[in-house]
């Protein structure tokens, strides 16, 4: 059965950071969350899913903007987050 994985990444963000391409001082685009769903490629039936929080290294505190935008909270990242290399693996 051929399968497909559809994934989504959430990055550190501040008001206007996307429009500035994360070029303002102190804005480093780091992955905060990896989410994925595996589906049957023919029927799109759900096969499995994955979710992992990653601890940003350069901006370890999530902005209130990102918290409101995504619902990802600093305490969740602190408690459940792992290094990006581990999350990616």
N, C-alpha and C. Protein backbone atom coordinates (compact mmCIF):
# COMPACT_ATOMS: atom_id res chain seq x y z
N UNK A 1 0.84 -1.18 0.00
CA UNK A 1 0.00 0.00 0.00
C UNK A 1 0.90 1.25 0.00
N UNK A 2 0.88 2.03 -1.06
CA UNK A 2 1.63 3.28 -1.09
C UNK A 2 1.08 4.25 -0.04
N UNK A 3 1.99 4.94 0.64
CA UNK A 3 1.59 5.88 1.67
C UNK A 3 2.24 7.24 1.42
N UNK A 4 1.65 8.25 2.00
CA UNK A 4 2.19 9.61 1.90
C UNK A 4 2.23 10.21 3.29
N UNK A 5 3.23 11.05 3.52
CA UNK A 5 3.35 11.77 4.78
C UNK A 5 3.19 13.26 4.47
N UNK A 6 2.28 13.88 5.17
CA UNK A 6 2.04 15.32 5.05
C UNK A 6 2.51 15.93 6.36
N UNK A 7 3.42 16.91 6.27
CA UNK A 7 3.95 17.47 7.51
C UNK A 7 3.80 18.98 7.56
N UNK A 8 3.88 19.49 8.76
CA UNK A 8 3.76 20.93 9.01
C UNK A 8 4.78 21.30 10.07
N UNK A 9 5.41 22.45 9.89
CA UNK A 9 6.38 22.96 10.86
C UNK A 9 5.88 24.28 11.43
N UNK A 10 6.10 24.49 12.70
CA UNK A 10 5.87 25.79 13.33
C UNK A 10 7.23 26.34 13.71
N UNK A 11 7.43 27.62 13.45
CA UNK A 11 8.71 28.28 13.70
C UNK A 11 8.54 29.38 14.74
N UNK A 12 9.64 29.73 15.39
CA UNK A 12 9.61 30.90 16.26
C UNK A 12 9.15 32.09 15.41
N UNK A 13 8.37 32.98 16.03
CA UNK A 13 7.82 34.11 15.28
C UNK A 13 7.48 35.25 16.23
N UNK A 14 7.47 36.43 15.65
CA UNK A 14 7.11 37.66 16.33
C UNK A 14 6.22 38.46 15.40
N UNK A 15 5.50 39.44 15.88
CA UNK A 15 4.67 40.23 14.96
C UNK A 15 5.51 40.77 13.80
N UNK A 16 5.12 40.45 12.57
CA UNK A 16 5.81 40.93 11.38
C UNK A 16 7.05 40.15 10.98
N UNK A 17 7.42 39.13 11.73
CA UNK A 17 8.66 38.40 11.40
C UNK A 17 8.60 37.72 10.04
N UNK A 18 7.45 37.20 9.67
CA UNK A 18 7.32 36.54 8.37
C UNK A 18 7.52 37.56 7.24
N UNK A 19 6.92 38.72 7.36
CA UNK A 19 7.06 39.76 6.33
C UNK A 19 8.51 40.25 6.25
N UNK A 20 9.22 40.25 7.37
CA UNK A 20 10.62 40.67 7.40
C UNK A 20 11.58 39.53 7.06
N UNK A 21 11.01 38.34 6.80
CA UNK A 21 11.80 37.14 6.54
C UNK A 21 12.76 36.86 7.69
N UNK A 22 12.30 37.11 8.91
CA UNK A 22 13.06 36.85 10.14
C UNK A 22 14.43 37.56 10.11
N UNK A 23 14.44 38.78 9.57
CA UNK A 23 15.70 39.51 9.42
C UNK A 23 15.91 40.60 10.47
N UNK A 24 14.98 40.83 11.37
CA UNK A 24 15.17 41.83 12.42
C UNK A 24 16.19 41.30 13.44
N UNK A 25 16.86 42.19 14.12
CA UNK A 25 17.83 41.73 15.13
C UNK A 25 17.18 40.79 16.14
N UNK A 26 17.85 39.69 16.41
CA UNK A 26 17.37 38.73 17.40
C UNK A 26 16.32 37.76 16.90
N UNK A 27 15.88 37.90 15.65
CA UNK A 27 14.89 36.97 15.10
C UNK A 27 15.62 35.84 14.39
N UNK A 28 15.53 34.68 14.97
CA UNK A 28 16.12 33.49 14.37
C UNK A 28 14.99 32.50 14.12
N UNK A 29 14.85 32.06 12.90
CA UNK A 29 13.78 31.14 12.51
C UNK A 29 14.17 29.73 12.94
N UNK A 30 13.53 29.27 14.03
CA UNK A 30 13.84 27.94 14.56
C UNK A 30 12.55 27.13 14.64
N UNK A 31 12.65 25.86 14.33
CA UNK A 31 11.50 24.96 14.42
C UNK A 31 11.11 24.78 15.89
N UNK A 32 9.82 24.92 16.16
CA UNK A 32 9.28 24.74 17.51
C UNK A 32 8.41 23.48 17.57
N UNK A 33 7.79 23.13 16.46
CA UNK A 33 6.92 21.96 16.44
C UNK A 33 6.97 21.29 15.07
N UNK A 34 7.00 19.96 15.09
CA UNK A 34 6.86 19.15 13.89
C UNK A 34 5.59 18.34 14.05
N UNK A 35 4.72 18.45 13.07
CA UNK A 35 3.49 17.66 13.06
C UNK A 35 3.39 16.94 11.73
N UNK A 36 2.92 15.72 11.74
CA UNK A 36 2.80 14.97 10.50
C UNK A 36 1.65 13.97 10.59
N UNK A 37 1.10 13.66 9.45
CA UNK A 37 0.09 12.62 9.36
C UNK A 37 0.47 11.72 8.18
N UNK A 38 0.34 10.42 8.40
CA UNK A 38 0.60 9.44 7.33
C UNK A 38 -0.76 8.94 6.83
N UNK A 39 -0.91 8.93 5.50
CA UNK A 39 -2.17 8.51 4.90
C UNK A 39 -1.92 7.47 3.82
N UNK A 40 -2.94 6.69 3.55
CA UNK A 40 -2.93 5.79 2.40
C UNK A 40 -2.97 6.69 1.16
N UNK A 41 -2.03 6.53 0.26
CA UNK A 41 -1.94 7.42 -0.89
C UNK A 41 -3.12 7.31 -1.85
N UNK A 42 -3.80 6.18 -1.85
CA UNK A 42 -4.93 6.00 -2.76
C UNK A 42 -6.24 6.51 -2.18
N UNK A 43 -6.43 6.29 -0.88
CA UNK A 43 -7.73 6.62 -0.27
C UNK A 43 -7.66 7.80 0.70
N UNK A 44 -6.46 8.21 1.05
CA UNK A 44 -6.21 9.26 2.06
C UNK A 44 -6.70 8.85 3.45
N UNK A 45 -6.89 7.55 3.66
CA UNK A 45 -7.26 7.05 4.98
C UNK A 45 -6.09 7.26 5.94
N UNK A 46 -6.41 7.65 7.14
CA UNK A 46 -5.41 7.92 8.17
C UNK A 46 -4.69 6.62 8.54
N UNK A 47 -3.35 6.66 8.52
CA UNK A 47 -2.54 5.51 8.88
C UNK A 47 -1.83 5.76 10.21
N UNK A 48 -1.36 6.98 10.42
CA UNK A 48 -0.65 7.31 11.65
C UNK A 48 -0.36 8.80 11.72
N UNK A 49 0.13 9.23 12.87
CA UNK A 49 0.47 10.63 13.02
C UNK A 49 1.67 10.79 13.95
N UNK A 50 2.20 11.99 13.95
CA UNK A 50 3.40 12.31 14.72
C UNK A 50 3.32 13.76 15.13
N UNK A 51 3.75 14.05 16.36
CA UNK A 51 3.83 15.43 16.85
C UNK A 51 4.98 15.50 17.84
N UNK A 52 5.82 16.51 17.68
CA UNK A 52 6.95 16.68 18.58
C UNK A 52 7.25 18.16 18.73
N UNK A 53 7.51 18.59 19.95
CA UNK A 53 7.95 19.96 20.20
C UNK A 53 9.47 19.98 20.23
N UNK A 54 10.04 21.03 19.65
CA UNK A 54 11.50 21.20 19.63
C UNK A 54 11.86 22.46 20.41
N UNK A 55 12.88 22.36 21.22
CA UNK A 55 13.34 23.52 22.01
C UNK A 55 14.22 24.40 21.14
N UNK A 56 13.81 25.65 20.93
CA UNK A 56 14.68 26.56 20.17
C UNK A 56 15.96 26.82 20.94
N UNK A 57 17.07 26.90 20.24
CA UNK A 57 18.37 27.14 20.89
C UNK A 57 18.70 28.63 21.02
N UNK A 58 18.43 29.40 19.96
CA UNK A 58 18.83 30.80 19.94
C UNK A 58 17.80 31.72 20.60
N UNK A 59 16.54 31.37 20.50
CA UNK A 59 15.46 32.10 21.16
C UNK A 59 14.67 31.10 22.00
N UNK A 60 15.20 30.72 23.16
CA UNK A 60 14.58 29.64 23.93
C UNK A 60 13.22 29.99 24.54
N UNK A 61 12.88 31.27 24.61
CA UNK A 61 11.58 31.67 25.15
C UNK A 61 10.64 31.97 23.98
N UNK A 62 9.51 31.26 23.95
CA UNK A 62 8.52 31.45 22.89
C UNK A 62 7.85 32.82 23.10
N UNK A 63 7.70 33.58 22.03
CA UNK A 63 7.05 34.89 22.13
C UNK A 63 5.56 34.72 22.43
N UNK A 64 4.99 35.71 23.09
CA UNK A 64 3.55 35.67 23.36
C UNK A 64 2.77 35.66 22.05
N UNK A 65 3.32 36.28 21.01
CA UNK A 65 2.70 36.27 19.68
C UNK A 65 2.57 34.83 19.18
N UNK A 66 3.64 34.05 19.28
CA UNK A 66 3.60 32.66 18.81
C UNK A 66 2.68 31.82 19.69
N UNK A 67 2.70 32.07 21.00
CA UNK A 67 1.79 31.34 21.89
C UNK A 67 0.34 31.56 21.47
N UNK A 68 -0.03 32.81 21.19
CA UNK A 68 -1.41 33.11 20.80
C UNK A 68 -1.73 32.57 19.41
N UNK A 69 -0.76 32.63 18.51
CA UNK A 69 -0.98 32.17 17.14
C UNK A 69 -1.17 30.66 17.05
N UNK A 70 -0.37 29.91 17.80
CA UNK A 70 -0.34 28.45 17.65
C UNK A 70 -0.91 27.67 18.83
N UNK A 71 -0.98 28.31 19.99
CA UNK A 71 -1.38 27.59 21.20
C UNK A 71 -0.23 26.83 21.84
N UNK A 72 0.97 26.92 21.25
CA UNK A 72 2.15 26.28 21.84
C UNK A 72 2.63 27.17 22.97
N UNK A 73 2.72 26.62 24.16
CA UNK A 73 3.10 27.39 25.35
C UNK A 73 4.53 27.09 25.77
N UNK A 74 5.15 28.09 26.40
CA UNK A 74 6.52 27.94 26.89
C UNK A 74 6.66 26.75 27.82
N UNK A 75 5.69 26.55 28.70
CA UNK A 75 5.81 25.43 29.65
C UNK A 75 5.76 24.09 28.92
N UNK A 76 4.98 24.00 27.85
CA UNK A 76 4.93 22.75 27.07
C UNK A 76 6.28 22.48 26.40
N UNK A 77 6.87 23.52 25.83
CA UNK A 77 8.17 23.36 25.18
C UNK A 77 9.23 22.97 26.22
N UNK A 78 9.17 23.61 27.38
CA UNK A 78 10.14 23.31 28.44
C UNK A 78 9.98 21.88 28.95
N UNK A 79 8.74 21.42 29.08
CA UNK A 79 8.48 20.09 29.65
C UNK A 79 8.55 18.95 28.64
N UNK A 80 8.09 19.19 27.42
CA UNK A 80 8.01 18.11 26.44
C UNK A 80 8.96 18.28 25.25
N UNK A 81 9.55 19.46 25.13
CA UNK A 81 10.41 19.74 23.99
C UNK A 81 11.72 18.99 24.04
N UNK A 82 12.23 18.68 22.87
CA UNK A 82 13.52 18.02 22.74
C UNK A 82 14.37 18.85 21.79
N UNK A 83 15.65 18.57 21.73
CA UNK A 83 16.53 19.24 20.79
C UNK A 83 16.05 18.95 19.37
N UNK A 84 16.20 19.93 18.48
CA UNK A 84 15.71 19.75 17.11
C UNK A 84 16.29 18.51 16.44
N UNK A 85 17.57 18.24 16.65
CA UNK A 85 18.19 17.06 16.03
C UNK A 85 17.46 15.79 16.45
N UNK A 86 17.06 15.70 17.71
CA UNK A 86 16.31 14.53 18.18
C UNK A 86 14.90 14.51 17.59
N UNK A 87 14.27 15.68 17.52
CA UNK A 87 12.92 15.75 16.95
C UNK A 87 12.94 15.34 15.48
N UNK A 88 13.94 15.80 14.75
CA UNK A 88 14.06 15.49 13.33
C UNK A 88 14.33 14.00 13.12
N UNK A 89 15.13 13.42 13.98
CA UNK A 89 15.45 12.00 13.85
C UNK A 89 14.20 11.15 14.03
